[in-house]
Amino acid sequence: MKDNKFEVLLKVELFILDMDGTIYLGDRLFEGSREFVELLKENRKEFLFLTNNSSKSSDEYLKKLSKMGIDIAKENLLTSGQATAIYLNGIAKKTIRAYVVGTVSLKKELESFGINIAEDIEKEEVDYLIVGFDTELTYKKLLDACELIRKGIPFLATNPDLVCPLDGGKYIPDCGSICIMLENATKKKPLFIGKPSSIIVDVISKLKNVEKSRIAMIGDRLYTDIKMANDNGMVSILVLSGETAFEDIEKSRLKPTFVYNSIRDIYEDLKTVYRGAG
């Protein structure tokens, strides 16, 4: 099994790394995260930090990682907010105006991709409703969203995560929970762009020019990270440093290709793989 594992890891051309619960938790960087990234750089392997958390912009994440000692280029990071913008720009035949149930950071991220933001649904034409992980949520936003859905405006959401993990074992409602509330009120489901949707995999595969079978997804959630990888023929690697416990794997129909306690353990195996290949 170990030889087979090393063979599989050696064939990976692109490593996608989840962030919350995988690389860090809150402001605490997990041991081995920095070393893992440096190992990939040294061996000229492509990597992409991928987060479903759309409450912050890519620039904010780059700054956060830099403070933790991980310096990466902008092309090594993708948020579900960015993926949503890329997807919309790919299907639209005109400039898009979207109403956003999301943070100021998400709105700015979307604007950086040329998407116009509507603030008043009574006075502005709206092409799409976009719902994200909104830590600045107001009841007015929910009312506006319900009205737009009722009118038949396409309903997109950045990610289906129900909760966002915090340090100390705490959780707060994420985009998926907001969408459940809207679905209960309108009987309409959104099109999710982020993990585990195949949409975000298609975006990444084209962006990095890598076949899906040569991509490995490293994450801490069965229903997003692992499901996305399994559904798209990717290598799925689960770490037990975040939301998922080993008992959850036994109960779930979603089975990862490999399971590790932490990113440090993956680093140790990968270091051996690359030494053997050299």
C-alpha atoms as a PDB file:
ATOM      1  CA  MET A   1       0.000   0.000   0.000  1.00  0.00           C
ATOM      2  CA  LYS A   2       2.854   2.361   0.854  1.00  0.00           C
ATOM      3  CA  ASP A   3       4.536   1.831  -2.529  1.00  0.00           C
ATOM      4  CA  ASN A   4       1.205   2.416  -4.266  1.00  0.00           C
ATOM      5  CA  LYS A   5       0.671   5.593  -2.256  1.00  0.00           C
ATOM      6  CA  PHE A   6       4.091   6.911  -3.240  1.00  0.00           C
ATOM      7  CA  GLU A   7       3.427   6.101  -6.910  1.00  0.00           C
ATOM      8  CA  VAL A   8       0.159   8.047  -6.812  1.00  0.00           C
ATOM      9  CA  LEU A   9       1.751  11.047  -5.079  1.00  0.00           C
ATOM     10  CA  LEU A  10       4.644  11.130  -7.521  1.00  0.00           C
ATOM     11  CA  LYS A  11       2.251  11.465 -10.481  1.00  0.00           C
ATOM     12  CA  VAL A  12       0.507  14.504  -9.009  1.00  0.00           C
ATOM     13  CA  GLU A  13       1.282  17.664 -11.015  1.00  0.00           C
ATOM     14  CA  LEU A  14      -0.928  20.087  -9.093  1.00  0.00           C
ATOM     15  CA  PHE A  15      -1.667  20.116  -5.366  1.00  0.00           C
ATOM     16  CA  ILE A  16      -4.769  22.035  -4.314  1.00  0.00           C
ATOM     17  CA  LEU A  17      -4.626  23.002  -0.663  1.00  0.00           C
ATOM     18  CA  ASP A  18      -7.638  23.913   1.418  1.00  0.00           C
ATOM     19  CA  MET A  19      -6.846  26.590   3.997  1.00  0.00           C
ATOM     20  CA  ASP A  20      -9.065  26.734   7.108  1.00  0.00           C
ATOM     21  CA  GLY A  21      -8.598  23.493   9.019  1.00  0.00           C
ATOM     22  CA  THR A  22      -5.874  22.233   6.680  1.00  0.00           C
ATOM     23  CA  ILE A  23      -3.053  24.795   6.594  1.00  0.00           C
ATOM     24  CA  TYR A  24      -4.133  26.817   9.610  1.00  0.00           C
ATOM     25  CA  LEU A  25      -6.955  27.314  12.071  1.00  0.00           C
ATOM     26  CA  GLY A  26      -7.824  30.905  12.836  1.00  0.00           C
ATOM     27  CA  ASP A  27      -4.462  32.647  13.171  1.00  0.00           C
ATOM     28  CA  ARG A  28      -2.572  29.490  14.093  1.00  0.00           C
ATOM     29  CA  LEU A  29      -0.438  27.973  11.339  1.00  0.00           C
ATOM     30  CA  PHE A  30      -0.239  24.194  11.521  1.00  0.00           C
ATOM     31  CA  GLU A  31       3.190  22.652  11.907  1.00  0.00           C
ATOM     32  CA  GLY A  32       4.540  21.471   8.568  1.00  0.00           C
ATOM     33  CA  SER A  33       2.508  23.881   6.400  1.00  0.00           C
ATOM     34  CA  ARG A  34       5.449  26.139   5.592  1.00  0.00           C
ATOM     35  CA  GLU A  35       7.748  23.196   4.948  1.00  0.00           C
ATOM     36  CA  PHE A  36       5.172  21.569   2.661  1.00  0.00           C
ATOM     37  CA  VAL A  37       4.956  24.652   0.448  1.00  0.00           C
ATOM     38  CA  GLU A  38       8.747  24.985   0.300  1.00  0.00           C
ATOM     39  CA  LEU A  39       9.038  21.317  -0.688  1.00  0.00           C
ATOM     40  CA  LEU A  40       6.657  21.856  -3.608  1.00  0.00           C
ATOM     41  CA  LYS A  41       8.601  24.926  -4.714  1.00  0.00           C
ATOM     42  CA  GLU A  42      11.910  23.081  -4.538  1.00  0.00           C
ATOM     43  CA  ASN A  43      10.542  20.249  -6.684  1.00  0.00           C
ATOM     44  CA  ARG A  44       8.852  22.638  -9.126  1.00  0.00           C
ATOM     45  CA  LYS A  45       5.389  21.296  -8.436  1.00  0.00           C
ATOM     46  CA  GLU A  46       2.315  23.425  -9.123  1.00  0.00           C
ATOM     47  CA  PHE A  47       0.188  24.274  -6.115  1.00  0.00           C
ATOM     48  CA  LEU A  48      -2.897  26.330  -5.447  1.00  0.00           C
ATOM     49  CA  PHE A  49      -4.337  27.479  -2.154  1.00  0.00           C
ATOM     50  CA  LEU A  50      -8.095  27.149  -2.526  1.00  0.00           C
ATOM     51  CA  THR A  51     -10.635  28.463  -0.068  1.00  0.00           C
ATOM     52  CA  ASN A  52     -14.419  28.312  -0.102  1.00  0.00           C
ATOM     53  CA  ASN A  53     -14.400  31.242   2.307  1.00  0.00           C
ATOM     54  CA  SER A  54     -15.524  34.195   0.193  1.00  0.00           C
ATOM     55  CA  SER A  55     -15.745  36.681   3.056  1.00  0.00           C
ATOM     56  CA  LYS A  56     -12.182  37.869   2.393  1.00  0.00           C
ATOM     57  CA  SER A  57     -10.423  38.874  -0.822  1.00  0.00           C
ATOM     58  CA  SER A  58      -7.420  37.086  -2.300  1.00  0.00           C
ATOM     59  CA  ASP A  59      -5.200  40.029  -1.280  1.00  0.00           C
ATOM     60  CA  GLU A  60      -6.336  39.646   2.328  1.00  0.00           C
ATOM     61  CA  TYR A  61      -5.508  35.937   2.246  1.00  0.00           C
ATOM     62  CA  LEU A  62      -2.093  36.614   0.724  1.00  0.00           C
ATOM     63  CA  LYS A  63      -1.351  39.072   3.534  1.00  0.00           C
ATOM     64  CA  LYS A  64      -2.532  36.582   6.153  1.00  0.00           C
ATOM     65  CA  LEU A  65      -0.338  33.832   4.726  1.00  0.00           C
ATOM     66  CA  SER A  66       2.628  36.198   4.484  1.00  0.00           C
ATOM     67  CA  LYS A  67       2.287  37.098   8.178  1.00  0.00           C
ATOM     68  CA  MET A  68       2.404  33.375   8.917  1.00  0.00           C
ATOM     69  CA  GLY A  69       5.621  33.030   6.939  1.00  0.00           C
ATOM     70  CA  ILE A  70       4.159  31.617   3.711  1.00  0.00           C
ATOM     71  CA  ASP A  71       5.014  33.866   0.768  1.00  0.00           C
ATOM     72  CA  ILE A  72       3.294  32.877  -2.452  1.00  0.00           C
ATOM     73  CA  ALA A  73       2.393  34.586  -5.719  1.00  0.00           C
ATOM     74  CA  LYS A  74      -1.141  35.723  -6.499  1.00  0.00           C
ATOM     75  CA  GLU A  75      -1.526  32.940  -9.068  1.00  0.00           C
ATOM     76  CA  ASN A  76      -1.064  30.391  -6.262  1.00  0.00           C
ATOM     77  CA  LEU A  77      -4.322  31.332  -4.560  1.00  0.00           C
ATOM     78  CA  LEU A  78      -7.980  31.118  -5.574  1.00  0.00           C
ATOM     79  CA  THR A  79     -11.095  31.975  -3.579  1.00  0.00           C
ATOM     80  CA  SER A  80     -14.627  30.796  -4.325  1.00  0.00           C
ATOM     81  CA  GLY A  81     -15.436  34.476  -4.928  1.00  0.00           C
ATOM     82  CA  GLN A  82     -12.824  34.680  -7.691  1.00  0.00           C
ATOM     83  CA  ALA A  83     -14.019  31.389  -9.172  1.00  0.00           C
ATOM     84  CA  THR A  84     -17.573  32.754  -9.239  1.00  0.00           C
ATOM     85  CA  ALA A  85     -16.395  35.808 -11.162  1.00  0.00           C
ATOM     86  CA  ILE A  86     -14.380  33.705 -13.626  1.00  0.00           C
ATOM     87  CA  TYR A  87     -17.361  31.415 -14.193  1.00  0.00           C
ATOM     88  CA  LEU A  88     -19.780  34.303 -14.786  1.00  0.00           C
ATOM     89  CA  ASN A  89     -17.413  36.076 -17.160  1.00  0.00           C
ATOM     90  CA  GLY A  90     -17.079  32.830 -19.087  1.00  0.00           C
ATOM     91  CA  ILE A  91     -20.821  32.433 -19.693  1.00  0.00           C
ATOM     92  CA  ALA A  92     -21.902  36.069 -19.999  1.00  0.00           C
ATOM     93  CA  LYS A  93     -22.256  37.879 -23.302  1.00  0.00           C
ATOM     94  CA  LYS A  94     -22.343  41.311 -21.711  1.00  0.00           C
ATOM     95  CA  THR A  95     -21.104  43.195 -18.667  1.00  0.00           C
ATOM     96  CA  ILE A  96     -22.727  41.699 -15.567  1.00  0.00           C
ATOM     97  CA  ARG A  97     -24.490  43.564 -12.777  1.00  0.00           C
ATOM     98  CA  ALA A  98     -24.920  41.446  -9.664  1.00  0.00           C
ATOM     99  CA  TYR A  99     -26.623  41.921  -6.319  1.00  0.00           C
ATOM    100  CA  VAL A 100     -24.366  40.458  -3.658  1.00  0.00           C
ATOM    101  CA  VAL A 101     -25.278  39.051  -0.278  1.00  0.00           C
ATOM    102  CA  GLY A 102     -21.687  39.185   0.867  1.00  0.00           C
ATOM    103  CA  THR A 103     -18.958  41.252   2.460  1.00  0.00           C
ATOM    104  CA  VAL A 104     -17.408  44.443   1.123  1.00  0.00           C
ATOM    105  CA  SER A 105     -14.306  42.349   0.368  1.00  0.00           C
ATOM    106  CA  LEU A 106     -16.302  39.962  -1.829  1.00  0.00           C
ATOM    107  CA  LYS A 107     -17.868  42.865  -3.702  1.00  0.00           C
ATOM    108  CA  LYS A 108     -14.439  44.391  -4.354  1.00  0.00           C
ATOM    109  CA  GLU A 109     -13.128  41.009  -5.537  1.00  0.00           C
ATOM    110  CA  LEU A 110     -15.992  40.670  -8.004  1.00  0.00           C
ATOM    111  CA  GLU A 111     -15.495  44.254  -9.188  1.00  0.00           C
ATOM    112  CA  SER A 112     -11.824  43.502  -9.888  1.00  0.00           C
ATOM    113  CA  PHE A 113     -13.073  40.982 -12.476  1.00  0.00           C
ATOM    114  CA  GLY A 114     -15.267  43.573 -14.162  1.00  0.00           C
ATOM    115  CA  ILE A 115     -18.562  42.680 -12.477  1.00  0.00           C
ATOM    116  CA  ASN A 116     -20.730  45.668 -11.530  1.00  0.00           C
ATOM    117  CA  ILE A 117     -22.382  45.617  -8.114  1.00  0.00           C
ATOM    118  CA  ALA A 118     -26.025  46.640  -7.649  1.00  0.00           C
ATOM    119  CA  GLU A 119     -26.901  48.156  -4.281  1.00  0.00           C
ATOM    120  CA  ASP A 120     -30.544  49.163  -4.870  1.00  0.00           C
ATOM    121  CA  ILE A 121     -32.722  46.491  -6.519  1.00  0.00           C
ATOM    122  CA  GLU A 122     -35.547  49.013  -7.006  1.00  0.00           C
ATOM    123  CA  LYS A 123     -33.426  51.358  -9.117  1.00  0.00           C
ATOM    124  CA  GLU A 124     -30.833  49.087 -10.751  1.00  0.00           C
ATOM    125  CA  GLU A 125     -31.146  46.228 -13.197  1.00  0.00           C
ATOM    126  CA  VAL A 126     -29.802  42.980 -11.747  1.00  0.00           C
ATOM    127  CA  ASP A 127     -28.507  40.078 -13.874  1.00  0.00           C
ATOM    128  CA  TYR A 128     -27.453  37.705 -11.100  1.00  0.00           C
ATOM    129  CA  LEU A 129     -27.877  37.211  -7.368  1.00  0.00           C
ATOM    130  CA  ILE A 130     -24.625  36.105  -5.713  1.00  0.00           C
ATOM    131  CA  VAL A 131     -24.642  34.841  -2.129  1.00  0.00           C
ATOM    132  CA  GLY A 132     -21.395  34.382  -0.220  1.00  0.00           C
ATOM    133  CA  PHE A 133     -20.162  33.817   3.317  1.00  0.00           C
ATOM    134  CA  ASP A 134     -21.520  37.089   4.623  1.00  0.00           C
ATOM    135  CA  THR A 135     -20.144  38.092   8.020  1.00  0.00           C
ATOM    136  CA  GLU A 136     -21.827  41.475   7.453  1.00  0.00           C
ATOM    137  CA  LEU A 137     -25.280  39.969   6.833  1.00  0.00           C
ATOM    138  CA  THR A 138     -28.348  42.172   7.333  1.00  0.00           C
ATOM    139  CA  TYR A 139     -32.025  41.326   7.167  1.00  0.00           C
ATOM    140  CA  LYS A 140     -32.429  43.777   4.274  1.00  0.00           C
ATOM    141  CA  LYS A 141     -30.015  41.716   2.184  1.00  0.00           C
ATOM    142  CA  LEU A 142     -32.143  38.632   2.827  1.00  0.00           C
ATOM    143  CA  LEU A 143     -35.315  40.486   1.841  1.00  0.00           C
ATOM    144  CA  ASP A 144     -33.674  41.753  -1.353  1.00  0.00           C
ATOM    145  CA  ALA A 145     -32.392  38.270  -2.171  1.00  0.00           C
ATOM    146  CA  CYS A 146     -35.862  36.752  -1.732  1.00  0.00           C
ATOM    147  CA  GLU A 147     -37.365  39.406  -3.999  1.00  0.00           C
ATOM    148  CA  LEU A 148     -34.777  38.786  -6.725  1.00  0.00           C
ATOM    149  CA  ILE A 149     -35.283  35.020  -6.543  1.00  0.00           C
ATOM    150  CA  ARG A 150     -39.053  35.549  -6.761  1.00  0.00           C
ATOM    151  CA  LYS A 151     -38.506  37.591  -9.938  1.00  0.00           C
ATOM    152  CA  GLY A 152     -36.510  34.747 -11.479  1.00  0.00           C
ATOM    153  CA  ILE A 153     -33.037  36.293 -11.268  1.00  0.00           C
ATOM    154  CA  PRO A 154     -30.393  33.491 -11.489  1.00  0.00           C
ATOM    155  CA  PHE A 155     -29.288  32.518  -7.959  1.00  0.00           C
ATOM    156  CA  LEU A 156     -25.603  31.666  -7.489  1.00  0.00           C
ATOM    157  CA  ALA A 157     -23.676  30.951  -4.297  1.00  0.00           C
ATOM    158  CA  THR A 158     -19.933  30.938  -3.742  1.00  0.00           C
ATOM    159  CA  ASN A 159     -19.875  27.824  -1.558  1.00  0.00           C
ATOM    160  CA  PRO A 160     -22.096  25.278   0.239  1.00  0.00           C
ATOM    161  CA  ASP A 161     -20.194  25.142   3.554  1.00  0.00           C
ATOM    162  CA  LEU A 162     -22.648  25.094   6.449  1.00  0.00           C
ATOM    163  CA  VAL A 163     -20.188  26.357   9.038  1.00  0.00           C
ATOM    164  CA  CYS A 164     -16.804  28.063   9.207  1.00  0.00           C
ATOM    165  CA  PRO A 165     -14.460  26.621  11.861  1.00  0.00           C
ATOM    166  CA  LEU A 166     -12.872  28.901  14.443  1.00  0.00           C
ATOM    167  CA  ASP A 167     -10.014  28.226  16.815  1.00  0.00           C
ATOM    168  CA  GLY A 168     -11.035  26.471  20.010  1.00  0.00           C
ATOM    169  CA  GLY A 169     -13.521  24.122  18.356  1.00  0.00           C
ATOM    170  CA  LYS A 170     -16.064  26.865  17.657  1.00  0.00           C
ATOM    171  CA  TYR A 171     -18.086  27.353  14.462  1.00  0.00           C
ATOM    172  CA  ILE A 172     -20.125  30.114  12.851  1.00  0.00           C
ATOM    173  CA  PRO A 173     -22.771  29.884  10.065  1.00  0.00           C
ATOM    174  CA  ASP A 174     -21.270  29.915   6.560  1.00  0.00           C
ATOM    175  CA  CYS A 175     -22.705  30.527   3.084  1.00  0.00           C
ATOM    176  CA  GLY A 176     -24.496  27.168   2.937  1.00  0.00           C
ATOM    177  CA  SER A 177     -26.516  27.990   6.031  1.00  0.00           C
ATOM    178  CA  ILE A 178     -27.538  31.361   4.588  1.00  0.00           C
ATOM    179  CA  CYS A 179     -28.619  29.608   1.389  1.00  0.00           C
ATOM    180  CA  ILE A 180     -30.707  27.071   3.311  1.00  0.00           C
ATOM    181  CA  MET A 181     -32.568  29.977   4.898  1.00  0.00           C
ATOM    182  CA  LEU A 182     -33.210  31.509   1.449  1.00  0.00           C
ATOM    183  CA  GLU A 183     -34.207  28.130   0.016  1.00  0.00           C
ATOM    184  CA  ASN A 184     -36.730  27.580   2.803  1.00  0.00           C
ATOM    185  CA  ALA A 185     -38.213  31.004   2.085  1.00  0.00           C
ATOM    186  CA  THR A 186     -38.289  30.767  -1.732  1.00  0.00           C
ATOM    187  CA  LYS A 187     -38.163  27.021  -2.541  1.00  0.00           C
ATOM    188  CA  LYS A 188     -35.269  27.791  -4.910  1.00  0.00           C
ATOM    189  CA  LYS A 189     -31.773  26.311  -4.685  1.00  0.00           C
ATOM    190  CA  PRO A 190     -28.643  28.157  -5.800  1.00  0.00           C
ATOM    191  CA  LEU A 191     -26.006  27.036  -8.251  1.00  0.00           C
ATOM    192  CA  PHE A 192     -22.937  26.519  -6.063  1.00  0.00           C
ATOM    193  CA  ILE A 193     -19.591  27.451  -7.623  1.00  0.00           C
ATOM    194  CA  GLY A 194     -17.122  26.463  -4.901  1.00  0.00           C
ATOM    195  CA  LYS A 195     -16.176  23.040  -3.577  1.00  0.00           C
ATOM    196  CA  PRO A 196     -17.492  20.397  -4.196  1.00  0.00           C
ATOM    197  CA  SER A 197     -18.891  21.700  -7.487  1.00  0.00           C
ATOM    198  CA  SER A 198     -17.295  20.512 -10.713  1.00  0.00           C
ATOM    199  CA  ILE A 199     -17.495  24.126 -11.881  1.00  0.00           C
ATOM    200  CA  ILE A 200     -14.556  25.202  -9.738  1.00  0.00           C
ATOM    201  CA  VAL A 201     -12.565  22.132 -10.836  1.00  0.00           C
ATOM    202  CA  ASP A 202     -13.122  23.068 -14.485  1.00  0.00           C
ATOM    203  CA  VAL A 203     -11.980  26.624 -13.704  1.00  0.00           C
ATOM    204  CA  ILE A 204      -8.786  25.358 -12.055  1.00  0.00           C
ATOM    205  CA  SER A 205      -8.021  22.703 -14.666  1.00  0.00           C
ATOM    206  CA  LYS A 206      -8.211  25.294 -17.452  1.00  0.00           C
ATOM    207  CA  LEU A 207      -6.404  27.942 -15.417  1.00  0.00           C
ATOM    208  CA  LYS A 208      -3.456  25.657 -14.651  1.00  0.00           C
ATOM    209  CA  ASN A 209      -3.647  23.518 -17.814  1.00  0.00           C
ATOM    210  CA  VAL A 210      -3.533  20.290 -15.799  1.00  0.00           C
ATOM    211  CA  GLU A 211      -5.630  17.152 -16.316  1.00  0.00           C
ATOM    212  CA  LYS A 212      -7.953  16.413 -13.408  1.00  0.00           C
ATOM    213  CA  SER A 213      -6.412  12.954 -12.861  1.00  0.00           C
ATOM    214  CA  ARG A 214      -3.081  14.690 -12.153  1.00  0.00           C
ATOM    215  CA  ILE A 215      -4.550  16.923  -9.444  1.00  0.00           C
ATOM    216  CA  ALA A 216      -4.601  16.156  -5.703  1.00  0.00           C
ATOM    217  CA  MET A 217      -7.010  17.895  -3.324  1.00  0.00           C
ATOM    218  CA  ILE A 218      -5.869  18.207   0.288  1.00  0.00           C
ATOM    219  CA  GLY A 219      -8.584  19.238   2.729  1.00  0.00           C
ATOM    220  CA  ASP A 220     -10.352  18.613   6.022  1.00  0.00           C
ATOM    221  CA  ARG A 221     -13.966  18.204   4.880  1.00  0.00           C
ATOM    222  CA  LEU A 222     -15.586  15.120   3.428  1.00  0.00           C
ATOM    223  CA  TYR A 223     -18.607  16.841   1.890  1.00  0.00           C
ATOM    224  CA  THR A 224     -16.628  19.532   0.072  1.00  0.00           C
ATOM    225  CA  ASP A 225     -12.923  18.711  -0.391  1.00  0.00           C
ATOM    226  CA  ILE A 226     -13.162  14.937  -0.700  1.00  0.00           C
ATOM    227  CA  LYS A 227     -16.459  14.858  -2.591  1.00  0.00           C
ATOM    228  CA  MET A 228     -15.124  17.313  -5.166  1.00  0.00           C
ATOM    229  CA  ALA A 229     -11.959  15.281  -5.709  1.00  0.00           C
ATOM    230  CA  ASN A 230     -13.775  11.948  -5.929  1.00  0.00           C
ATOM    231  CA  ASP A 231     -16.456  13.276  -8.274  1.00  0.00           C
ATOM    232  CA  ASN A 232     -13.826  14.613 -10.676  1.00  0.00           C
ATOM    233  CA  GLY A 233     -11.333  11.760 -10.766  1.00  0.00           C
ATOM    234  CA  MET A 234      -8.764  13.553  -8.636  1.00  0.00           C
ATOM    235  CA  VAL A 235      -6.601  12.219  -5.810  1.00  0.00           C
ATOM    236  CA  SER A 236      -8.373  13.001  -2.521  1.00  0.00           C
ATOM    237  CA  ILE A 237      -6.318  13.515   0.631  1.00  0.00           C
ATOM    238  CA  LEU A 238      -8.119  14.095   3.933  1.00  0.00           C
ATOM    239  CA  VAL A 239      -6.411  15.650   6.954  1.00  0.00           C
ATOM    240  CA  LEU A 240      -7.867  15.192  10.432  1.00  0.00           C
ATOM    241  CA  SER A 241      -6.762  18.629  11.650  1.00  0.00           C
ATOM    242  CA  GLY A 242     -10.061  20.383  10.944  1.00  0.00           C
ATOM    243  CA  GLU A 243     -13.733  19.476  10.790  1.00  0.00           C
ATOM    244  CA  THR A 244     -13.581  15.723  10.115  1.00  0.00           C
ATOM    245  CA  ALA A 245     -12.793  13.056  12.704  1.00  0.00           C
ATOM    246  CA  PHE A 246     -11.767   9.492  11.845  1.00  0.00           C
ATOM    247  CA  GLU A 247     -15.157   8.216  13.040  1.00  0.00           C
ATOM    248  CA  ASP A 248     -16.826  10.414  10.403  1.00  0.00           C
ATOM    249  CA  ILE A 249     -14.953   8.600   7.634  1.00  0.00           C
ATOM    250  CA  GLU A 250     -16.182   5.225   8.863  1.00  0.00           C
ATOM    251  CA  LYS A 251     -19.799   6.450   8.784  1.00  0.00           C
ATOM    252  CA  SER A 252     -19.542   8.210   5.419  1.00  0.00           C
ATOM    253  CA  ARG A 253     -19.899   6.818   1.899  1.00  0.00           C
ATOM    254  CA  LEU A 254     -17.219   9.342   0.865  1.00  0.00           C
ATOM    255  CA  LYS A 255     -13.857   7.641   1.160  1.00  0.00           C
ATOM    256  CA  PRO A 256     -10.622   9.597   0.597  1.00  0.00           C
ATOM    257  CA  THR A 257      -7.767   8.156  -1.436  1.00  0.00           C
ATOM    258  CA  PHE A 258      -5.500   8.782   1.567  1.00  0.00           C
ATOM    259  CA  VAL A 259      -5.989   9.937   5.164  1.00  0.00           C
ATOM    260  CA  TYR A 260      -3.375  11.821   7.186  1.00  0.00           C
ATOM    261  CA  ASN A 261      -3.434  13.315  10.658  1.00  0.00           C
ATOM    262  CA  SER A 262      -2.002  16.612   9.443  1.00  0.00           C
ATOM    263  CA  ILE A 263      -0.205  18.461   6.672  1.00  0.00           C
ATOM    264  CA  ARG A 264       3.076  17.673   8.405  1.00  0.00           C
ATOM    265  CA  ASP A 265       2.521  13.944   7.847  1.00  0.00           C
ATOM    266  CA  ILE A 266       1.866  14.538   4.142  1.00  0.00           C
ATOM    267  CA  TYR A 267       5.060  16.590   3.997  1.00  0.00           C
ATOM    268  CA  GLU A 268       7.078  13.733   5.499  1.00  0.00           C
ATOM    269  CA  ASP A 269       5.713  11.228   2.961  1.00  0.00           C
ATOM    270  CA  LEU A 270       6.134  13.579   0.023  1.00  0.00           C
ATOM    271  CA  LYS A 271       9.696  14.361   1.037  1.00  0.00           C
ATOM    272  CA  THR A 272      10.471  10.634   0.867  1.00  0.00           C
ATOM    273  CA  VAL A 273       8.675  10.347  -2.501  1.00  0.00           C
ATOM    274  CA  TYR A 274      10.723  13.112  -4.101  1.00  0.00           C
ATOM    275  CA  ARG A 275      14.003  11.853  -2.633  1.00  0.00           C
ATOM    276  CA  GLY A 276      13.282   8.394  -4.044  1.00  0.00           C
ATOM    277  CA  ALA A 277      12.440   9.846  -7.449  1.00  0.00           C
ATOM    278  CA  GLY A 278      15.626  11.879  -7.498  1.00  0.00           C
END
